[in-house]
Amino acid sequence: MGELPGYICYLSAESVSFVVGLPKQKQRKVIDWVERISASPERISDYQTTDAIGRPIENLLLEEFLFTYWIDHAAKEVQITEILKV
């Protein structure tokens, strides 16, 4: 039996703009972190908040970047809503 497909990751327009504005080396680093987040969405984040509709929002600090995202386990999707350099 083959491996089950993993989670698909989507970035908000704001997240894409943030990544595009980084130097190439930092872009690659952020994309690597995005791929790691989507490969292991069950990873415990640094802290959790809720959005306006009550959905749990994960916040994960990886090196100098804060990733804010929510997970749709039924659809196997990770929705990255914001990436900040801290």
N, C-alpha and C. Protein backbone atom coordinates (compact mmCIF):
# COMPACT_ATOMS: atom_id res chain seq x y z
N MET A 1 0.83 -1.17 0.00
CA MET A 1 0.00 0.00 0.00
C MET A 1 0.88 1.24 0.00
N GLY A 2 0.59 2.23 -0.84
CA GLY A 2 1.38 3.45 -0.95
C GLY A 2 1.14 4.40 0.19
N GLU A 3 1.98 5.43 0.25
CA GLU A 3 1.84 6.45 1.28
C GLU A 3 0.62 7.31 1.01
N LEU A 4 -0.07 7.68 2.07
CA LEU A 4 -1.19 8.59 1.92
C LEU A 4 -0.66 9.99 1.63
N PRO A 5 -1.38 10.73 0.77
CA PRO A 5 -0.90 12.08 0.48
C PRO A 5 -0.93 12.95 1.73
N GLY A 6 0.03 13.86 1.83
CA GLY A 6 0.12 14.74 2.98
C GLY A 6 -0.81 15.93 2.85
N TYR A 7 -0.59 16.88 3.71
CA TYR A 7 -1.39 18.09 3.70
C TYR A 7 -0.89 19.03 2.61
N ILE A 8 -1.81 19.78 2.02
CA ILE A 8 -1.49 20.79 1.03
C ILE A 8 -1.45 22.12 1.76
N CYS A 9 -0.48 22.94 1.44
CA CYS A 9 -0.31 24.23 2.10
C CYS A 9 -0.69 25.36 1.16
N TYR A 10 -1.48 26.30 1.68
CA TYR A 10 -1.87 27.48 0.93
C TYR A 10 -1.40 28.72 1.67
N LEU A 11 -0.89 29.70 0.94
CA LEU A 11 -0.46 30.96 1.53
C LEU A 11 -1.42 32.07 1.13
N SER A 12 -1.73 32.93 2.09
CA SER A 12 -2.57 34.09 1.80
C SER A 12 -1.80 35.04 0.88
N ALA A 13 -2.52 35.97 0.28
CA ALA A 13 -1.88 36.97 -0.59
C ALA A 13 -0.84 37.76 0.19
N GLU A 14 -1.14 38.09 1.47
CA GLU A 14 -0.19 38.83 2.29
C GLU A 14 1.09 38.02 2.53
N SER A 15 0.93 36.70 2.75
CA SER A 15 2.09 35.84 2.97
C SER A 15 2.94 35.74 1.72
N VAL A 16 2.31 35.63 0.57
CA VAL A 16 3.05 35.57 -0.69
C VAL A 16 3.82 36.87 -0.91
N SER A 17 3.18 38.01 -0.66
CA SER A 17 3.85 39.30 -0.81
C SER A 17 5.05 39.40 0.12
N PHE A 18 4.91 38.90 1.34
CA PHE A 18 6.02 38.93 2.29
C PHE A 18 7.20 38.11 1.76
N VAL A 19 6.92 36.90 1.29
CA VAL A 19 7.99 36.02 0.79
C VAL A 19 8.67 36.63 -0.43
N VAL A 20 7.90 37.15 -1.35
CA VAL A 20 8.45 37.73 -2.58
C VAL A 20 9.35 38.92 -2.25
N GLY A 21 9.06 39.65 -1.19
CA GLY A 21 9.86 40.81 -0.81
C GLY A 21 11.16 40.48 -0.11
N LEU A 22 11.39 39.22 0.20
CA LEU A 22 12.62 38.82 0.88
C LEU A 22 13.75 38.57 -0.12
N PRO A 23 15.00 38.67 0.33
CA PRO A 23 16.12 38.25 -0.52
C PRO A 23 15.99 36.75 -0.85
N LYS A 24 16.53 36.34 -1.97
CA LYS A 24 16.38 34.95 -2.45
C LYS A 24 16.73 33.91 -1.40
N GLN A 25 17.80 34.11 -0.66
CA GLN A 25 18.23 33.13 0.34
C GLN A 25 17.17 33.00 1.45
N LYS A 26 16.60 34.12 1.87
CA LYS A 26 15.55 34.10 2.90
C LYS A 26 14.27 33.50 2.34
N GLN A 27 13.98 33.76 1.06
CA GLN A 27 12.79 33.17 0.44
C GLN A 27 12.86 31.64 0.53
N ARG A 28 14.03 31.09 0.20
CA ARG A 28 14.20 29.63 0.24
C ARG A 28 14.00 29.10 1.66
N LYS A 29 14.53 29.81 2.63
CA LYS A 29 14.41 29.40 4.02
C LYS A 29 12.93 29.38 4.45
N VAL A 30 12.19 30.44 4.10
CA VAL A 30 10.78 30.51 4.46
C VAL A 30 9.99 29.39 3.76
N ILE A 31 10.26 29.17 2.49
CA ILE A 31 9.56 28.10 1.76
C ILE A 31 9.89 26.73 2.38
N ASP A 32 11.12 26.53 2.80
CA ASP A 32 11.48 25.28 3.49
C ASP A 32 10.65 25.12 4.76
N TRP A 33 10.51 26.20 5.54
CA TRP A 33 9.70 26.13 6.76
C TRP A 33 8.24 25.85 6.43
N VAL A 34 7.72 26.47 5.38
CA VAL A 34 6.33 26.23 4.96
C VAL A 34 6.15 24.74 4.62
N GLU A 35 7.10 24.18 3.90
CA GLU A 35 7.01 22.76 3.55
C GLU A 35 7.06 21.87 4.79
N ARG A 36 7.88 22.23 5.76
CA ARG A 36 7.96 21.46 7.00
C ARG A 36 6.67 21.55 7.80
N ILE A 37 6.09 22.74 7.84
CA ILE A 37 4.81 22.90 8.56
C ILE A 37 3.75 22.02 7.92
N SER A 38 3.65 22.03 6.60
CA SER A 38 2.62 21.23 5.94
C SER A 38 2.91 19.74 6.01
N ALA A 39 4.16 19.37 6.16
CA ALA A 39 4.51 17.95 6.29
C ALA A 39 4.17 17.41 7.68
N SER A 40 4.14 18.30 8.69
CA SER A 40 3.86 17.88 10.07
C SER A 40 2.93 18.88 10.74
N PRO A 41 1.69 19.00 10.26
CA PRO A 41 0.79 20.01 10.83
C PRO A 41 0.39 19.71 12.28
N GLU A 42 0.58 18.47 12.71
CA GLU A 42 0.23 18.11 14.08
C GLU A 42 1.27 18.62 15.08
N ARG A 43 2.36 19.14 14.58
CA ARG A 43 3.41 19.72 15.43
C ARG A 43 2.79 20.77 16.35
N ILE A 44 3.21 20.77 17.58
CA ILE A 44 2.66 21.73 18.54
C ILE A 44 3.26 23.10 18.27
N SER A 45 2.38 24.09 18.13
CA SER A 45 2.85 25.45 17.87
C SER A 45 3.29 26.10 19.18
N ASP A 46 3.83 27.30 19.07
CA ASP A 46 4.27 28.02 20.26
C ASP A 46 3.09 28.52 21.08
N TYR A 47 2.06 28.98 20.38
CA TYR A 47 0.84 29.37 21.09
C TYR A 47 -0.32 29.37 20.11
N GLN A 48 -1.54 29.30 20.67
CA GLN A 48 -2.75 29.23 19.86
C GLN A 48 -3.66 30.39 20.21
N THR A 49 -4.28 30.96 19.19
CA THR A 49 -5.28 31.99 19.37
C THR A 49 -6.54 31.52 18.64
N THR A 50 -7.56 32.34 18.61
CA THR A 50 -8.75 32.02 17.82
C THR A 50 -9.07 33.20 16.92
N ASP A 51 -9.66 32.90 15.76
CA ASP A 51 -10.03 33.98 14.86
C ASP A 51 -11.46 34.43 15.15
N ALA A 52 -12.01 35.29 14.31
CA ALA A 52 -13.33 35.88 14.53
C ALA A 52 -14.45 34.84 14.54
N ILE A 53 -14.24 33.71 13.87
CA ILE A 53 -15.29 32.69 13.85
C ILE A 53 -15.02 31.55 14.84
N GLY A 54 -14.00 31.73 15.68
CA GLY A 54 -13.70 30.74 16.71
C GLY A 54 -12.78 29.61 16.28
N ARG A 55 -12.22 29.71 15.11
CA ARG A 55 -11.31 28.68 14.60
C ARG A 55 -9.96 28.80 15.32
N PRO A 56 -9.36 27.67 15.73
CA PRO A 56 -8.04 27.74 16.36
C PRO A 56 -6.97 28.15 15.34
N ILE A 57 -6.18 29.13 15.73
CA ILE A 57 -5.10 29.65 14.89
C ILE A 57 -3.78 29.32 15.57
N GLU A 58 -2.90 28.66 14.85
CA GLU A 58 -1.58 28.28 15.37
C GLU A 58 -0.58 29.39 15.07
N ASN A 59 0.34 29.59 15.99
CA ASN A 59 1.41 30.58 15.82
C ASN A 59 2.72 29.89 16.17
N LEU A 60 3.61 29.82 15.20
CA LEU A 60 4.84 29.06 15.35
C LEU A 60 6.04 29.94 14.98
N LEU A 61 6.95 30.10 15.92
CA LEU A 61 8.17 30.87 15.69
C LEU A 61 9.27 29.91 15.27
N LEU A 62 9.78 30.13 14.06
CA LEU A 62 10.87 29.32 13.51
C LEU A 62 12.00 30.26 13.11
N GLU A 63 13.07 30.18 13.87
CA GLU A 63 14.19 31.10 13.72
C GLU A 63 13.68 32.53 13.82
N GLU A 64 13.79 33.31 12.76
CA GLU A 64 13.40 34.72 12.82
C GLU A 64 12.01 34.99 12.24
N PHE A 65 11.23 33.94 11.97
CA PHE A 65 9.94 34.11 11.31
C PHE A 65 8.81 33.54 12.17
N LEU A 66 7.71 34.30 12.24
CA LEU A 66 6.51 33.86 12.93
C LEU A 66 5.48 33.48 11.88
N PHE A 67 5.06 32.23 11.90
CA PHE A 67 4.06 31.71 10.96
C PHE A 67 2.73 31.60 11.69
N THR A 68 1.69 32.20 11.11
CA THR A 68 0.34 32.12 11.66
C THR A 68 -0.49 31.32 10.65
N TYR A 69 -1.15 30.28 11.14
CA TYR A 69 -1.87 29.39 10.23
C TYR A 69 -2.98 28.64 10.94
N TRP A 70 -3.90 28.11 10.15
CA TRP A 70 -4.91 27.21 10.69
C TRP A 70 -4.93 25.95 9.84
N ILE A 71 -5.40 24.89 10.45
CA ILE A 71 -5.35 23.56 9.81
C ILE A 71 -6.77 23.05 9.60
N ASP A 72 -7.03 22.58 8.40
CA ASP A 72 -8.29 21.91 8.08
C ASP A 72 -7.95 20.43 7.91
N HIS A 73 -8.12 19.66 8.99
CA HIS A 73 -7.74 18.25 8.96
C HIS A 73 -8.61 17.45 7.99
N ALA A 74 -9.88 17.81 7.89
CA ALA A 74 -10.78 17.08 6.99
C ALA A 74 -10.34 17.21 5.54
N ALA A 75 -9.94 18.40 5.15
CA ALA A 75 -9.50 18.64 3.77
C ALA A 75 -8.01 18.41 3.60
N LYS A 76 -7.29 18.18 4.72
CA LYS A 76 -5.84 18.00 4.70
C LYS A 76 -5.14 19.21 4.10
N GLU A 77 -5.51 20.39 4.65
CA GLU A 77 -4.95 21.64 4.19
C GLU A 77 -4.39 22.45 5.36
N VAL A 78 -3.32 23.17 5.10
CA VAL A 78 -2.75 24.14 6.04
C VAL A 78 -2.87 25.50 5.36
N GLN A 79 -3.55 26.42 6.03
CA GLN A 79 -3.76 27.76 5.49
C GLN A 79 -2.87 28.74 6.24
N ILE A 80 -1.78 29.17 5.63
CA ILE A 80 -0.89 30.14 6.25
C ILE A 80 -1.44 31.53 5.96
N THR A 81 -1.83 32.22 7.01
CA THR A 81 -2.49 33.52 6.85
C THR A 81 -1.51 34.68 6.99
N GLU A 82 -0.40 34.47 7.71
CA GLU A 82 0.53 35.56 7.92
C GLU A 82 1.92 35.00 8.23
N ILE A 83 2.92 35.68 7.70
CA ILE A 83 4.32 35.40 8.03
C ILE A 83 4.96 36.73 8.38
N LEU A 84 5.60 36.78 9.54
CA LEU A 84 6.25 38.01 9.98
C LEU A 84 7.72 37.73 10.30
N LYS A 85 8.56 38.72 10.06
CA LYS A 85 9.95 38.63 10.52
C LYS A 85 9.99 39.31 11.88
N VAL A 86 10.48 38.56 12.88
CA VAL A 86 10.49 39.11 14.25
C VAL A 86 11.90 39.40 14.70
